[in-house]
Amino acid sequence: MNRQQYLAGMSVLLLSMFIIGSLIVSSWPAGDITNIGLEALGKGTFETYGLTFIIVGLVMFTSMLGGVFLAKEDDEE
């Protein structure tokens, strides 16, 4: 095993321990389940986080185009 694989494994292990520890330590409040219609849910989400959805969508689209560009094989004749 080379040094890069060792560091990658340690990084994954530390990140996993951090995420699991955060989930265990966090308090999860139990509230009443309310019936919210889809219209109210959509309005609440997009009125509050509309710009965020647009930015994340553009980033994901750009990433997808970059992945397709990198995966494209060049024709060598």
PDB file of N, CA and C in Angstrom:
ATOM      1  N   MET A   1       0.852  -1.166   0.000  1.00  0.00           N
ATOM      2  CA  MET A   1       0.000   0.000   0.000  1.00  0.00           C
ATOM      3  C   MET A   1       0.906   1.241   0.000  1.00  0.00           C
ATOM      4  N   ASN A   2       0.640   2.149  -0.932  1.00  0.00           N
ATOM      5  CA  ASN A   2       1.463   3.339  -0.984  1.00  0.00           C
ATOM      6  C   ASN A   2       0.910   4.430  -0.063  1.00  0.00           C
ATOM      7  N   ARG A   3       1.630   5.510   0.021  1.00  0.00           N
ATOM      8  CA  ARG A   3       1.284   6.580   0.976  1.00  0.00           C
ATOM      9  C   ARG A   3      -0.055   7.239   0.630  1.00  0.00           C
ATOM     10  N   GLN A   4      -0.343   7.415  -0.646  1.00  0.00           N
ATOM     11  CA  GLN A   4      -1.579   8.070  -1.057  1.00  0.00           C
ATOM     12  C   GLN A   4      -2.800   7.238  -0.658  1.00  0.00           C
ATOM     13  N   GLN A   5      -2.723   5.930  -0.831  1.00  0.00           N
ATOM     14  CA  GLN A   5      -3.833   5.066  -0.431  1.00  0.00           C
ATOM     15  C   GLN A   5      -4.024   5.091   1.082  1.00  0.00           C
ATOM     16  N   TYR A   6      -2.935   5.119   1.812  1.00  0.00           N
ATOM     17  CA  TYR A   6      -3.014   5.184   3.274  1.00  0.00           C
ATOM     18  C   TYR A   6      -3.684   6.480   3.715  1.00  0.00           C
ATOM     19  N   LEU A   7      -3.280   7.608   3.142  1.00  0.00           N
ATOM     20  CA  LEU A   7      -3.879   8.891   3.508  1.00  0.00           C
ATOM     21  C   LEU A   7      -5.350   8.963   3.110  1.00  0.00           C
ATOM     22  N   ALA A   8      -5.701   8.409   1.957  1.00  0.00           N
ATOM     23  CA  ALA A   8      -7.093   8.392   1.532  1.00  0.00           C
ATOM     24  C   ALA A   8      -7.939   7.548   2.479  1.00  0.00           C
ATOM     25  N   GLY A   9      -7.440   6.404   2.880  1.00  0.00           N
ATOM     26  CA  GLY A   9      -8.163   5.558   3.822  1.00  0.00           C
ATOM     27  C   GLY A   9      -8.349   6.227   5.170  1.00  0.00           C
ATOM     28  N   MET A  10      -7.303   6.888   5.648  1.00  0.00           N
ATOM     29  CA  MET A  10      -7.414   7.601   6.928  1.00  0.00           C
ATOM     30  C   MET A  10      -8.401   8.762   6.826  1.00  0.00           C
ATOM     31  N   SER A  11      -8.415   9.448   5.700  1.00  0.00           N
ATOM     32  CA  SER A  11      -9.348  10.558   5.499  1.00  0.00           C
ATOM     33  C   SER A  11     -10.791  10.064   5.508  1.00  0.00           C
ATOM     34  N   VAL A  12     -11.049   8.964   4.819  1.00  0.00           N
ATOM     35  CA  VAL A  12     -12.397   8.394   4.791  1.00  0.00           C
ATOM     36  C   VAL A  12     -12.806   7.949   6.187  1.00  0.00           C
ATOM     37  N   LEU A  13     -11.910   7.325   6.908  1.00  0.00           N
ATOM     38  CA  LEU A  13     -12.207   6.868   8.260  1.00  0.00           C
ATOM     39  C   LEU A  13     -12.515   8.041   9.182  1.00  0.00           C
ATOM     40  N   LEU A  14     -11.705   9.094   9.131  1.00  0.00           N
ATOM     41  CA  LEU A  14     -11.942  10.257   9.986  1.00  0.00           C
ATOM     42  C   LEU A  14     -13.243  10.966   9.630  1.00  0.00           C
ATOM     43  N   LEU A  15     -13.531  11.112   8.342  1.00  0.00           N
ATOM     44  CA  LEU A  15     -14.774  11.744   7.923  1.00  0.00           C
ATOM     45  C   LEU A  15     -15.979  10.920   8.364  1.00  0.00           C
ATOM     46  N   SER A  16     -15.892   9.602   8.224  1.00  0.00           N
ATOM     47  CA  SER A  16     -16.985   8.727   8.662  1.00  0.00           C
ATOM     48  C   SER A  16     -17.207   8.831  10.159  1.00  0.00           C
ATOM     49  N   MET A  17     -16.114   8.860  10.924  1.00  0.00           N
ATOM     50  CA  MET A  17     -16.243   8.992  12.381  1.00  0.00           C
ATOM     51  C   MET A  17     -16.860  10.340  12.751  1.00  0.00           C
ATOM     52  N   PHE A  18     -16.487  11.399  12.044  1.00  0.00           N
ATOM     53  CA  PHE A  18     -17.041  12.718  12.312  1.00  0.00           C
ATOM     54  C   PHE A  18     -18.537  12.759  12.026  1.00  0.00           C
ATOM     55  N   ILE A  19     -18.953  12.200  10.898  1.00  0.00           N
ATOM     56  CA  ILE A  19     -20.376  12.210  10.536  1.00  0.00           C
ATOM     57  C   ILE A  19     -21.189  11.373  11.510  1.00  0.00           C
ATOM     58  N   ILE A  20     -20.715  10.183  11.826  1.00  0.00           N
ATOM     59  CA  ILE A  20     -21.451   9.318  12.762  1.00  0.00           C
ATOM     60  C   ILE A  20     -21.501   9.948  14.141  1.00  0.00           C
ATOM     61  N   GLY A  21     -20.391  10.526  14.592  1.00  0.00           N
ATOM     62  CA  GLY A  21     -20.379  11.204  15.891  1.00  0.00           C
ATOM     63  C   GLY A  21     -21.336  12.373  15.931  1.00  0.00           C
ATOM     64  N   SER A  22     -21.410  13.137  14.854  1.00  0.00           N
ATOM     65  CA  SER A  22     -22.329  14.271  14.793  1.00  0.00           C
ATOM     66  C   SER A  22     -23.777  13.801  14.852  1.00  0.00           C
ATOM     67  N   LEU A  23     -24.073  12.708  14.176  1.00  0.00           N
ATOM     68  CA  LEU A  23     -25.438  12.189  14.203  1.00  0.00           C
ATOM     69  C   LEU A  23     -25.821  11.666  15.578  1.00  0.00           C
ATOM     70  N   ILE A  24     -24.880  11.058  16.277  1.00  0.00           N
ATOM     71  CA  ILE A  24     -25.163  10.504  17.598  1.00  0.00           C
ATOM     72  C   ILE A  24     -25.338  11.606  18.628  1.00  0.00           C
ATOM     73  N   VAL A  25     -24.489  12.639  18.573  1.00  0.00           N
ATOM     74  CA  VAL A  25     -24.505  13.694  19.588  1.00  0.00           C
ATOM     75  C   VAL A  25     -25.656  14.673  19.386  1.00  0.00           C
ATOM     76  N   SER A  26     -26.096  14.877  18.158  1.00  0.00           N
ATOM     77  CA  SER A  26     -27.137  15.867  17.866  1.00  0.00           C
ATOM     78  C   SER A  26     -28.457  15.456  18.495  1.00  0.00           C
ATOM     79  N   SER A  27     -29.170  16.471  18.972  1.00  0.00           N
ATOM     80  CA  SER A  27     -30.502  16.195  19.503  1.00  0.00           C
ATOM     81  C   SER A  27     -31.501  16.378  18.366  1.00  0.00           C
ATOM     82  N   TRP A  28     -32.360  15.414  18.232  1.00  0.00           N
ATOM     83  CA  TRP A  28     -33.350  15.442  17.169  1.00  0.00           C
ATOM     84  C   TRP A  28     -34.714  15.687  17.801  1.00  0.00           C
ATOM     85  N   PRO A  29     -35.211  16.914  17.693  1.00  0.00           N
ATOM     86  CA  PRO A  29     -36.482  17.220  18.347  1.00  0.00           C
ATOM     87  C   PRO A  29     -37.633  16.469  17.682  1.00  0.00           C
ATOM     88  N   ALA A  30     -38.456  15.897  18.507  1.00  0.00           N
ATOM     89  CA  ALA A  30     -39.629  15.195  18.000  1.00  0.00           C
ATOM     90  C   ALA A  30     -40.804  16.146  18.072  1.00  0.00           C
ATOM     91  N   GLY A  31     -41.355  16.459  16.947  1.00  0.00           N
ATOM     92  CA  GLY A  31     -42.484  17.385  16.904  1.00  0.00           C
ATOM     93  C   GLY A  31     -43.713  16.678  16.376  1.00  0.00           C
ATOM     94  N   ASP A  32     -44.791  17.417  16.398  1.00  0.00           N
ATOM     95  CA  ASP A  32     -46.028  16.872  15.862  1.00  0.00           C
ATOM     96  C   ASP A  32     -45.962  16.849  14.342  1.00  0.00           C
ATOM     97  N   ILE A  33     -46.497  15.800  13.783  1.00  0.00           N
ATOM     98  CA  ILE A  33     -46.557  15.696  12.335  1.00  0.00           C
ATOM     99  C   ILE A  33     -47.775  16.478  11.874  1.00  0.00           C
ATOM    100  N   THR A  34     -47.548  17.405  10.981  1.00  0.00           N
ATOM    101  CA  THR A  34     -48.657  18.204  10.469  1.00  0.00           C
ATOM    102  C   THR A  34     -48.875  17.867   9.006  1.00  0.00           C
ATOM    103  N   ASN A  35     -50.092  18.014   8.590  1.00  0.00           N
ATOM    104  CA  ASN A  35     -50.419  17.775   7.192  1.00  0.00           C
ATOM    105  C   ASN A  35     -50.208  19.067   6.415  1.00  0.00           C
ATOM    106  N   ILE A  36     -49.226  19.053   5.542  1.00  0.00           N
ATOM    107  CA  ILE A  36     -48.938  20.208   4.701  1.00  0.00           C
ATOM    108  C   ILE A  36     -49.198  19.801   3.271  1.00  0.00           C
ATOM    109  N   GLY A  37     -49.937  20.595   2.580  1.00  0.00           N
ATOM    110  CA  GLY A  37     -50.221  20.306   1.183  1.00  0.00           C
ATOM    111  C   GLY A  37     -48.997  20.544   0.316  1.00  0.00           C
ATOM    112  N   LEU A  38     -49.017  19.945  -0.849  1.00  0.00           N
ATOM    113  CA  LEU A  38     -47.890  20.107  -1.763  1.00  0.00           C
ATOM    114  C   LEU A  38     -47.729  21.549  -2.214  1.00  0.00           C
ATOM    115  N   GLU A  39     -48.834  22.253  -2.358  1.00  0.00           N
ATOM    116  CA  GLU A  39     -48.757  23.645  -2.786  1.00  0.00           C
ATOM    117  C   GLU A  39     -48.055  24.498  -1.736  1.00  0.00           C
ATOM    118  N   ALA A  40     -48.417  24.319  -0.473  1.00  0.00           N
ATOM    119  CA  ALA A  40     -47.774  25.077   0.609  1.00  0.00           C
ATOM    120  C   ALA A  40     -46.300  24.696   0.744  1.00  0.00           C
ATOM    121  N   LEU A  41     -45.993  23.425   0.579  1.00  0.00           N
ATOM    122  CA  LEU A  41     -44.602  22.966   0.651  1.00  0.00           C
ATOM    123  C   LEU A  41     -43.774  23.576  -0.478  1.00  0.00           C
ATOM    124  N   GLY A  42     -44.311  23.567  -1.688  1.00  0.00           N
ATOM    125  CA  GLY A  42     -43.608  24.144  -2.831  1.00  0.00           C
ATOM    126  C   GLY A  42     -43.404  25.639  -2.681  1.00  0.00           C
ATOM    127  N   LYS A  43     -44.440  26.351  -2.245  1.00  0.00           N
ATOM    128  CA  LYS A  43     -44.310  27.799  -2.063  1.00  0.00           C
ATOM    129  C   LYS A  43     -43.289  28.117  -0.981  1.00  0.00           C
ATOM    130  N   GLY A  44     -43.345  27.406   0.117  1.00  0.00           N
ATOM    131  CA  GLY A  44     -42.399  27.651   1.205  1.00  0.00           C
ATOM    132  C   GLY A  44     -40.960  27.372   0.797  1.00  0.00           C
ATOM    133  N   THR A  45     -40.770  26.318   0.041  1.00  0.00           N
ATOM    134  CA  THR A  45     -39.411  25.953  -0.382  1.00  0.00           C
ATOM    135  C   THR A  45     -38.862  26.942  -1.400  1.00  0.00           C
ATOM    136  N   PHE A  46     -39.631  27.228  -2.435  1.00  0.00           N
ATOM    137  CA  PHE A  46     -39.106  28.061  -3.513  1.00  0.00           C
ATOM    138  C   PHE A  46     -39.101  29.540  -3.174  1.00  0.00           C
ATOM    139  N   GLU A  47     -39.980  29.992  -2.292  1.00  0.00           N
ATOM    140  CA  GLU A  47     -39.917  31.392  -1.877  1.00  0.00           C
ATOM    141  C   GLU A  47     -38.708  31.637  -0.989  1.00  0.00           C
ATOM    142  N   THR A  48     -38.363  30.652  -0.169  1.00  0.00           N
ATOM    143  CA  THR A  48     -37.233  30.818   0.741  1.00  0.00           C
ATOM    144  C   THR A  48     -35.911  30.490   0.072  1.00  0.00           C
ATOM    145  N   TYR A  49     -35.871  29.406  -0.688  1.00  0.00           N
ATOM    146  CA  TYR A  49     -34.611  28.903  -1.242  1.00  0.00           C
ATOM    147  C   TYR A  49     -34.578  28.897  -2.773  1.00  0.00           C
ATOM    148  N   GLY A  50     -35.358  29.743  -3.415  1.00  0.00           N
ATOM    149  CA  GLY A  50     -35.445  29.737  -4.883  1.00  0.00           C
ATOM    150  C   GLY A  50     -34.122  30.000  -5.559  1.00  0.00           C
ATOM    151  N   LEU A  51     -33.421  31.039  -5.134  1.00  0.00           N
ATOM    152  CA  LEU A  51     -32.138  31.376  -5.743  1.00  0.00           C
ATOM    153  C   LEU A  51     -31.120  30.262  -5.514  1.00  0.00           C
ATOM    154  N   THR A  52     -31.168  29.657  -4.332  1.00  0.00           N
ATOM    155  CA  THR A  52     -30.256  28.554  -4.028  1.00  0.00           C
ATOM    156  C   THR A  52     -30.482  27.378  -4.971  1.00  0.00           C
ATOM    157  N   PHE A  53     -31.752  27.046  -5.244  1.00  0.00           N
ATOM    158  CA  PHE A  53     -32.053  25.952  -6.168  1.00  0.00           C
ATOM    159  C   PHE A  53     -31.519  26.250  -7.565  1.00  0.00           C
ATOM    160  N   ILE A  54     -31.651  27.489  -7.997  1.00  0.00           N
ATOM    161  CA  ILE A  54     -31.168  27.850  -9.329  1.00  0.00           C
ATOM    162  C   ILE A  54     -29.643  27.724  -9.402  1.00  0.00           C
ATOM    163  N   ILE A  55     -28.950  28.223  -8.396  1.00  0.00           N
ATOM    164  CA  ILE A  55     -27.483  28.165  -8.390  1.00  0.00           C
ATOM    165  C   ILE A  55     -27.002  26.724  -8.336  1.00  0.00           C
ATOM    166  N   VAL A  56     -27.591  25.910  -7.471  1.00  0.00           N
ATOM    167  CA  VAL A  56     -27.201  24.500  -7.373  1.00  0.00           C
ATOM    168  C   VAL A  56     -27.500  23.773  -8.679  1.00  0.00           C
ATOM    169  N   GLY A  57     -28.620  24.085  -9.311  1.00  0.00           N
ATOM    170  CA  GLY A  57     -28.944  23.468 -10.591  1.00  0.00           C
ATOM    171  C   GLY A  57     -27.926  23.810 -11.667  1.00  0.00           C
ATOM    172  N   LEU A  58     -27.486  25.076 -11.704  1.00  0.00           N
ATOM    173  CA  LEU A  58     -26.473  25.475 -12.684  1.00  0.00           C
ATOM    174  C   LEU A  58     -25.131  24.797 -12.415  1.00  0.00           C
ATOM    175  N   VAL A  59     -24.771  24.675 -11.138  1.00  0.00           N
ATOM    176  CA  VAL A  59     -23.516  23.999 -10.798  1.00  0.00           C
ATOM    177  C   VAL A  59     -23.576  22.524 -11.196  1.00  0.00           C
ATOM    178  N   MET A  60     -24.706  21.876 -10.919  1.00  0.00           N
ATOM    179  CA  MET A  60     -24.839  20.464 -11.285  1.00  0.00           C
ATOM    180  C   MET A  60     -24.835  20.274 -12.804  1.00  0.00           C
ATOM    181  N   PHE A  61     -25.484  21.183 -13.527  1.00  0.00           N
ATOM    182  CA  PHE A  61     -25.497  21.095 -14.986  1.00  0.00           C
ATOM    183  C   PHE A  61     -24.098  21.274 -15.553  1.00  0.00           C
ATOM    184  N   THR A  62     -23.366  22.245 -15.020  1.00  0.00           N
ATOM    185  CA  THR A  62     -21.999  22.470 -15.469  1.00  0.00           C
ATOM    186  C   THR A  62     -21.118  21.262 -15.162  1.00  0.00           C
ATOM    187  N   SER A  63     -21.303  20.662 -13.993  1.00  0.00           N
ATOM    188  CA  SER A  63     -20.537  19.470 -13.627  1.00  0.00           C
ATOM    189  C   SER A  63     -20.844  18.311 -14.566  1.00  0.00           C
ATOM    190  N   MET A  64     -22.111  18.156 -14.920  1.00  0.00           N
ATOM    191  CA  MET A  64     -22.490  17.088 -15.834  1.00  0.00           C
ATOM    192  C   MET A  64     -21.850  17.300 -17.208  1.00  0.00           C
ATOM    193  N   LEU A  65     -21.882  18.532 -17.697  1.00  0.00           N
ATOM    194  CA  LEU A  65     -21.246  18.812 -18.987  1.00  0.00           C
ATOM    195  C   LEU A  65     -19.741  18.564 -18.929  1.00  0.00           C
ATOM    196  N   GLY A  66     -19.104  18.936 -17.819  1.00  0.00           N
ATOM    197  CA  GLY A  66     -17.679  18.679 -17.655  1.00  0.00           C
ATOM    198  C   GLY A  66     -17.376  17.199 -17.636  1.00  0.00           C
ATOM    199  N   GLY A  67     -18.221  16.414 -16.971  1.00  0.00           N
ATOM    200  CA  GLY A  67     -18.027  14.971 -16.937  1.00  0.00           C
ATOM    201  C   GLY A  67     -18.172  14.335 -18.300  1.00  0.00           C
ATOM    202  N   VAL A  68     -19.150  14.799 -19.064  1.00  0.00           N
ATOM    203  CA  VAL A  68     -19.330  14.280 -20.423  1.00  0.00           C
ATOM    204  C   VAL A  68     -18.134  14.658 -21.287  1.00  0.00           C
ATOM    205  N   PHE A  69     -17.663  15.885 -21.145  1.00  0.00           N
ATOM    206  CA  PHE A  69     -16.506  16.328 -21.929  1.00  0.00           C
ATOM    207  C   PHE A  69     -15.265  15.506 -21.589  1.00  0.00           C
ATOM    208  N   LEU A  70     -15.053  15.233 -20.295  1.00  0.00           N
ATOM    209  CA  LEU A  70     -13.879  14.455 -19.892  1.00  0.00           C
ATOM    210  C   LEU A  70     -13.991  12.991 -20.319  1.00  0.00           C
ATOM    211  N   ALA A  71     -15.215  12.459 -20.358  1.00  0.00           N
ATOM    212  CA  ALA A  71     -15.412  11.055 -20.709  1.00  0.00           C
ATOM    213  C   ALA A  71     -15.385  10.810 -22.211  1.00  0.00           C
ATOM    214  N   LYS A  72     -15.535  11.883 -22.966  1.00  0.00           N
ATOM    215  CA  LYS A  72     -15.563  11.745 -24.435  1.00  0.00           C
ATOM    216  C   LYS A  72     -14.210  11.259 -24.931  1.00  0.00           C
ATOM    217  N   GLU A  73     -14.246  10.277 -25.801  1.00  0.00           N
ATOM    218  CA  GLU A  73     -13.008   9.755 -26.365  1.00  0.00           C
ATOM    219  C   GLU A  73     -12.666  10.521 -27.632  1.00  0.00           C
ATOM    220  N   ASP A  74     -11.405  10.789 -27.812  1.00  0.00           N
ATOM    221  CA  ASP A  74     -10.942  11.458 -29.019  1.00  0.00           C
ATOM    222  C   ASP A  74     -10.733  10.430 -30.116  1.00  0.00           C
ATOM    223  N   ASP A  75     -11.157  10.776 -31.311  1.00  0.00           N
ATOM    224  CA  ASP A  75     -10.928   9.906 -32.457  1.00  0.00           C
ATOM    225  C   ASP A  75      -9.553  10.159 -33.017  1.00  0.00           C
ATOM    226  N   GLU A  76      -8.713   9.153 -32.942  1.00  0.00           N
ATOM    227  CA  GLU A  76      -7.367   9.280 -33.494  1.00  0.00           C
ATOM    228  C   GLU A  76      -7.282   8.384 -34.723  1.00  0.00           C
ATOM    229  N   GLU A  77      -6.984   9.004 -35.845  1.00  0.00           N
ATOM    230  CA  GLU A  77      -6.912   8.235 -37.093  1.00  0.00           C
ATOM    231  C   GLU A  77      -5.521   8.199 -37.631  1.00  0.00           C
TER     232      GLU A  77
END
